[in-house]
Protein backbone atom coordinates (compact mmCIF):
# COMPACT_ATOMS: atom_id res chain seq x y z
CA MET A 1 -9.39 3.68 -19.54
CA PRO A 2 -6.94 6.08 -18.96
CA ALA A 3 -3.18 5.32 -18.76
CA LEU A 4 -2.06 3.64 -15.91
CA LYS A 5 0.31 5.71 -13.49
CA ILE A 6 2.69 3.21 -12.68
CA ALA A 7 5.07 2.96 -9.93
CA ILE A 8 7.78 0.42 -8.13
CA GLN A 9 8.19 -0.49 -4.45
CA LEU A 10 11.84 0.61 -3.95
CA SER A 11 12.58 -2.09 -1.43
CA SER A 12 11.27 -4.77 -3.56
CA LEU A 13 14.39 -3.97 -5.84
CA ARG A 14 16.65 -4.89 -2.97
CA LEU A 15 19.06 -2.35 -3.91
CA PRO A 16 20.95 0.47 -2.08
CA PHE A 17 18.58 3.47 -1.92
CA ARG A 18 20.22 6.01 -4.63
CA LYS A 19 20.95 2.93 -6.95
CA ALA A 20 17.16 1.81 -6.64
CA ILE A 21 15.95 5.10 -7.51
CA ALA A 22 18.06 5.22 -10.69
CA THR A 23 16.84 1.91 -11.52
CA ALA A 24 13.32 2.57 -10.63
CA LYS A 25 13.29 5.41 -13.35
CA ARG A 26 15.41 3.72 -15.97
CA LEU A 27 12.70 0.58 -15.90
CA GLY A 28 10.03 2.98 -17.10
CA THR A 29 8.09 4.58 -14.02
CA ASP A 30 7.55 7.89 -13.19
CA ALA A 31 7.08 7.46 -9.18
CA VAL A 32 8.12 5.21 -6.51
CA GLU A 33 7.12 3.65 -3.20
CA ILE A 34 9.23 4.31 -0.01
CA ASP A 35 9.19 2.53 3.18
CA ALA A 36 9.44 4.57 5.95
CA ARG A 37 10.50 2.10 8.33
CA GLY A 38 13.38 0.51 6.76
CA GLU A 39 14.80 2.67 3.79
CA ILE A 40 14.04 6.34 5.44
CA ARG A 41 12.81 6.77 9.04
CA PRO A 42 10.94 10.05 9.31
CA ALA A 43 11.99 10.46 12.93
CA GLU A 44 15.42 10.51 12.07
CA LEU A 45 15.37 12.79 9.07
CA THR A 46 16.39 16.25 9.53
CA GLN A 47 15.10 19.20 7.33
CA THR A 48 18.30 19.09 5.40
CA GLY A 49 18.09 15.40 5.01
CA LEU A 50 14.31 16.23 3.73
CA ARG A 51 15.54 18.45 1.46
CA GLU A 52 18.11 16.34 -0.02
CA LEU A 53 15.48 13.73 -0.30
CA ARG A 54 13.37 15.53 -2.48
CA ARG A 55 16.21 16.92 -4.49
CA LEU A 56 17.09 13.61 -5.41
CA LEU A 57 13.83 12.71 -6.48
CA ASP A 58 12.99 15.77 -8.37
CA ASP A 59 16.87 14.85 -10.31
CA ALA A 60 15.68 11.69 -11.04
CA GLY A 61 11.94 13.02 -12.28
CA LEU A 62 10.21 10.69 -9.77
CA ARG A 63 7.42 11.57 -7.68
CA VAL A 64 6.26 9.31 -4.29
CA ALA A 65 3.12 6.99 -5.06
CA ALA A 66 3.19 6.33 -1.47
CA VAL A 67 4.91 5.58 1.95
CA GLY A 68 4.88 2.38 3.10
CA PHE A 69 4.81 1.83 6.88
CA HIS A 70 4.36 -1.53 8.18
CA THR A 71 4.24 -2.16 12.12
CA HIS A 72 4.65 -5.34 13.74
CA ARG A 73 1.10 -4.94 15.62
CA GLY A 74 -1.93 -3.54 14.46
CA TYR A 75 -3.91 -0.69 15.84
CA ASP A 76 -6.23 -2.96 17.51
CA SER A 77 -3.48 -4.36 20.36
CA PRO A 78 -2.89 -1.96 23.19
CA ASP A 79 0.77 -2.87 23.35
CA GLU A 80 2.90 0.18 22.81
CA LEU A 81 -0.10 1.75 20.74
CA GLU A 82 0.43 5.44 21.67
CA ARG A 83 4.11 5.05 20.31
CA ARG A 84 2.82 3.31 17.07
CA LEU A 85 0.04 5.81 16.59
CA ALA A 86 2.75 8.62 17.05
CA ALA A 87 5.06 6.87 14.84
CA THR A 88 2.43 6.44 11.88
CA LYS A 89 1.43 10.06 12.30
CA ALA A 90 5.33 11.00 11.85
CA ALA A 91 5.21 8.62 8.55
CA MET A 92 1.94 10.49 7.21
CA LYS A 93 3.83 13.74 8.09
CA PHE A 94 6.72 12.58 5.85
CA ALA A 95 4.43 11.40 3.09
CA ALA A 96 2.87 14.95 3.03
CA ASP A 97 6.25 16.57 3.14
CA LEU A 98 7.21 14.40 -0.49
CA ARG A 99 3.62 15.32 -1.49
CA ALA A 100 2.29 12.06 -1.59
CA SER A 101 -1.27 11.65 -0.22
CA VAL A 102 -1.02 7.64 1.24
CA VAL A 103 0.27 5.93 3.56
CA ILE A 104 0.04 2.07 3.70
CA ASN A 105 -0.04 -0.69 6.57
CA GLN A 106 -2.33 -3.37 7.86
CA VAL A 107 -4.74 -2.16 10.33
CA GLY A 108 -4.63 -5.26 12.36
CA HIS A 109 -7.55 -7.69 13.00
CA VAL A 110 -10.75 -6.72 12.51
CA PRO A 111 -13.19 -8.71 15.13
CA ALA A 112 -15.94 -10.78 13.29
CA GLU A 113 -18.57 -8.74 15.17
CA PRO A 114 -18.83 -4.83 16.25
CA GLY A 115 -18.14 -4.14 19.61
CA GLY A 116 -15.62 -5.45 22.42
CA PRO A 117 -12.39 -4.22 23.68
CA GLY A 118 -10.49 -5.19 20.45
CA TRP A 119 -13.35 -3.68 17.95
CA ASN A 120 -13.38 -0.43 20.21
CA LEU A 121 -9.93 0.15 20.30
CA LEU A 122 -9.26 -0.27 16.71
CA VAL A 123 -12.02 2.19 15.80
CA GLN A 124 -10.88 4.67 18.15
CA SER A 125 -7.19 4.31 17.02
CA LEU A 126 -8.00 4.66 13.26
CA THR A 127 -10.62 7.70 13.90
CA ASP A 128 -7.70 9.76 15.95
CA LEU A 129 -5.48 8.72 12.42
CA SER A 130 -8.05 9.76 10.36
CA ARG A 131 -8.47 12.90 11.86
CA HIS A 132 -4.70 13.45 11.48
CA GLY A 133 -4.79 12.36 8.08
CA GLN A 134 -7.17 14.65 6.88
CA HIS A 135 -5.66 17.65 8.68
CA ILE A 136 -2.05 17.15 7.42
CA GLY A 137 -3.19 15.83 3.65
CA ALA A 138 -2.26 12.04 3.64
CA LEU A 139 -4.42 9.31 4.52
CA LEU A 140 -3.79 5.85 6.08
CA ALA A 141 -4.65 3.21 3.69
CA ALA A 142 -5.30 -0.30 4.83
CA ARG A 143 -3.77 -2.99 2.99
CA THR A 144 -6.08 -5.80 2.03
CA GLY A 145 -4.96 -9.70 2.44
CA SER A 146 -5.17 -9.95 6.08
CA GLU A 147 -8.62 -9.25 6.20
CA SER A 148 -11.51 -10.05 3.45
CA GLY A 149 -13.28 -7.33 1.66
CA PRO A 150 -16.52 -7.46 3.52
CA ASP A 151 -14.88 -7.28 6.73
CA LEU A 152 -12.57 -4.23 6.01
CA ALA A 153 -15.97 -2.40 4.71
CA ARG A 154 -17.60 -3.07 7.94
CA LEU A 155 -14.75 -1.36 9.89
CA LEU A 156 -14.74 1.44 7.22
CA ALA A 157 -18.54 2.16 8.00
CA ALA A 158 -17.59 2.80 11.72
CA LEU A 159 -14.95 5.39 10.87
CA PRO A 160 -15.16 8.95 9.85
CA GLU A 161 -16.13 9.07 6.02
CA ARG A 162 -13.06 9.21 3.67
CA GLY A 163 -10.43 9.46 6.74
CA ILE A 164 -9.31 5.87 5.85
CA GLY A 165 -8.69 4.48 2.56
CA ILE A 166 -7.55 1.05 1.03
CA ASP A 167 -4.44 -0.42 -0.31
CA LEU A 168 -5.62 -2.97 -2.67
CA ASP A 169 -3.27 -6.07 -3.12
CA PRO A 170 -4.73 -8.63 -4.97
CA GLY A 171 -1.72 -10.99 -4.78
CA ASN A 172 -1.92 -10.73 -0.75
CA LEU A 173 -5.50 -11.51 -0.88
CA ILE A 174 -5.09 -14.45 -3.28
CA ILE A 175 -2.45 -15.80 -0.87
CA ASN A 176 -4.25 -15.37 2.27
CA GLY A 177 -7.36 -17.17 0.59
CA PHE A 178 -9.51 -14.21 -0.57
CA SER A 179 -11.29 -12.92 -3.68
CA PRO A 180 -9.68 -9.55 -5.08
CA ALA A 181 -13.12 -9.45 -7.20
CA GLU A 182 -15.21 -9.35 -3.96
CA ALA A 183 -12.69 -6.99 -2.64
CA VAL A 184 -13.32 -4.30 -5.43
CA GLU A 185 -17.03 -4.97 -5.02
CA GLN A 186 -16.90 -4.08 -1.49
CA LEU A 187 -14.14 -1.48 -1.32
CA GLY A 188 -13.74 0.06 -4.62
CA ALA A 189 -15.06 3.57 -3.58
CA HIS A 190 -12.27 3.62 -0.78
CA VAL A 191 -9.20 2.37 -2.97
CA LEU A 192 -6.49 4.68 -2.53
CA HIS A 193 -3.66 2.76 -3.89
CA VAL A 194 -3.32 -0.57 -5.83
CA HIS A 195 -0.29 -2.74 -5.03
CA ALA A 196 0.54 -4.62 -8.22
CA ARG A 197 1.08 -7.88 -7.02
CA ASP A 198 -0.16 -11.76 -7.93
CA GLY A 199 -0.44 -15.20 -6.46
CA VAL A 200 -1.87 -18.53 -6.76
CA ARG A 201 -3.27 -20.90 -4.14
CA ASP A 202 -1.24 -24.16 -3.35
CA LEU A 203 -4.14 -26.62 -2.85
CA ALA A 204 -1.71 -29.40 -1.70
CA ARG A 205 0.12 -27.55 0.62
CA GLY A 206 -2.94 -25.54 1.66
CA ARG A 207 -1.09 -22.15 1.46
CA GLY A 208 -0.82 -19.26 -1.18
CA LEU A 209 2.28 -18.24 -3.14
CA GLU A 210 3.32 -15.06 -4.66
CA VAL A 211 4.24 -15.31 -8.56
CA PRO A 212 5.26 -13.17 -11.28
CA LEU A 213 2.90 -10.15 -12.20
CA GLY A 214 0.32 -11.90 -15.01
CA ARG A 215 1.05 -15.41 -13.88
CA GLY A 216 -1.15 -16.04 -11.26
CA SER A 217 -5.05 -15.88 -10.49
CA ALA A 218 -5.08 -12.06 -10.49
CA ASP A 219 -7.14 -10.65 -13.19
CA PHE A 220 -5.69 -7.57 -13.60
CA PRO A 221 -7.59 -6.51 -16.46
CA ALA A 222 -10.92 -6.59 -15.30
CA LEU A 223 -9.67 -5.59 -11.55
CA LEU A 224 -8.71 -2.40 -13.12
CA GLY A 225 -11.84 -2.15 -15.31
CA ALA A 226 -14.01 -2.67 -11.92
CA LEU A 227 -11.91 0.24 -10.43
CA GLU A 228 -12.43 2.46 -13.48
CA GLU A 229 -16.00 2.38 -12.84
CA HIS A 230 -14.99 4.20 -9.18
CA GLN A 231 -13.22 6.43 -10.90
CA TYR A 232 -9.71 5.51 -9.71
CA ARG A 233 -6.88 7.49 -10.68
CA GLY A 234 -4.19 6.58 -8.29
CA TYR A 235 -1.00 4.72 -8.75
CA VAL A 236 -0.32 0.99 -9.23
CA THR A 237 2.75 0.20 -7.55
CA ILE A 238 4.81 -3.22 -8.63
CA ALA A 239 5.81 -4.93 -5.33
CA ARG A 240 7.57 -8.27 -5.22
CA GLN A 241 8.68 -10.05 -2.15
CA ASP A 242 10.06 -13.16 -3.16
CA ALA A 243 11.65 -12.43 -6.71
CA GLU A 244 14.89 -14.31 -7.48
CA GLU A 245 15.64 -11.55 -10.16
CA PRO A 246 14.25 -8.56 -8.75
CA GLU A 247 15.31 -6.10 -11.44
CA PHE A 248 14.44 -8.16 -14.16
CA GLU A 249 11.10 -9.23 -12.73
CA ILE A 250 9.95 -5.98 -11.88
CA GLY A 251 10.96 -4.76 -15.38
CA GLN A 252 8.51 -7.37 -16.67
CA ALA A 253 5.93 -6.34 -14.59
CA VAL A 254 6.51 -2.71 -15.75
CA LYS A 255 5.84 -3.92 -19.20
CA TYR A 256 2.92 -6.22 -18.58
CA LEU A 257 0.80 -3.33 -16.91
CA GLN A 258 1.87 -0.67 -19.74
CA SER A 259 0.23 -3.34 -22.17
CA LEU A 260 -2.99 -3.43 -20.52
């Protein structure tokens, strides 16, 4: 297996932006994921600001693995949909300007059966984003977790070929009661980005919990091996939402992935 391309989600470090960049480099990675909703807002970024951001990343020797753009509603909801689509396209342009090819968001609820207003609106919205992404060179990647692998595969089959990809998040799948292995089986050819998160199911409480990488139910060696069969060459980005000591735990996660 080729050496992993490891990145860090800057927001997971819970540090000021410039300090997070320096910390990501010190922890041994060569790429980062930038949050385009909290850390940087593309609509408010001037060309001068964009050049400064590029220089900051270049000086640190870091690339951008992906841009996160997490909306409160999916693309199946008609509420303020046009505004959401326009903002997503701006995030895709921002990613392309940073030489990143992936923008990550959860796309919304996938109906159990094709057809109906929700399904049609979701397909129409994602087809629009698919064509825009192919035009500018940065594609939307649907984050796994809220939907099963088979449901997302059914949705992708209704969209333009290779216009929308997948952000594989094993931890999010486990937390929501889905199988990461099944997701890779169904979606492996469409994976554009991987989030290195782990989780377990708390059967007593009937819910899932995020845990440090390598301590949960996600079999990362097997998952990465399965992705290798699909010639996956993208980034594996460490993300941690509930860490008590983010810098330490993310540093341990870097070492874990480097050991695989």
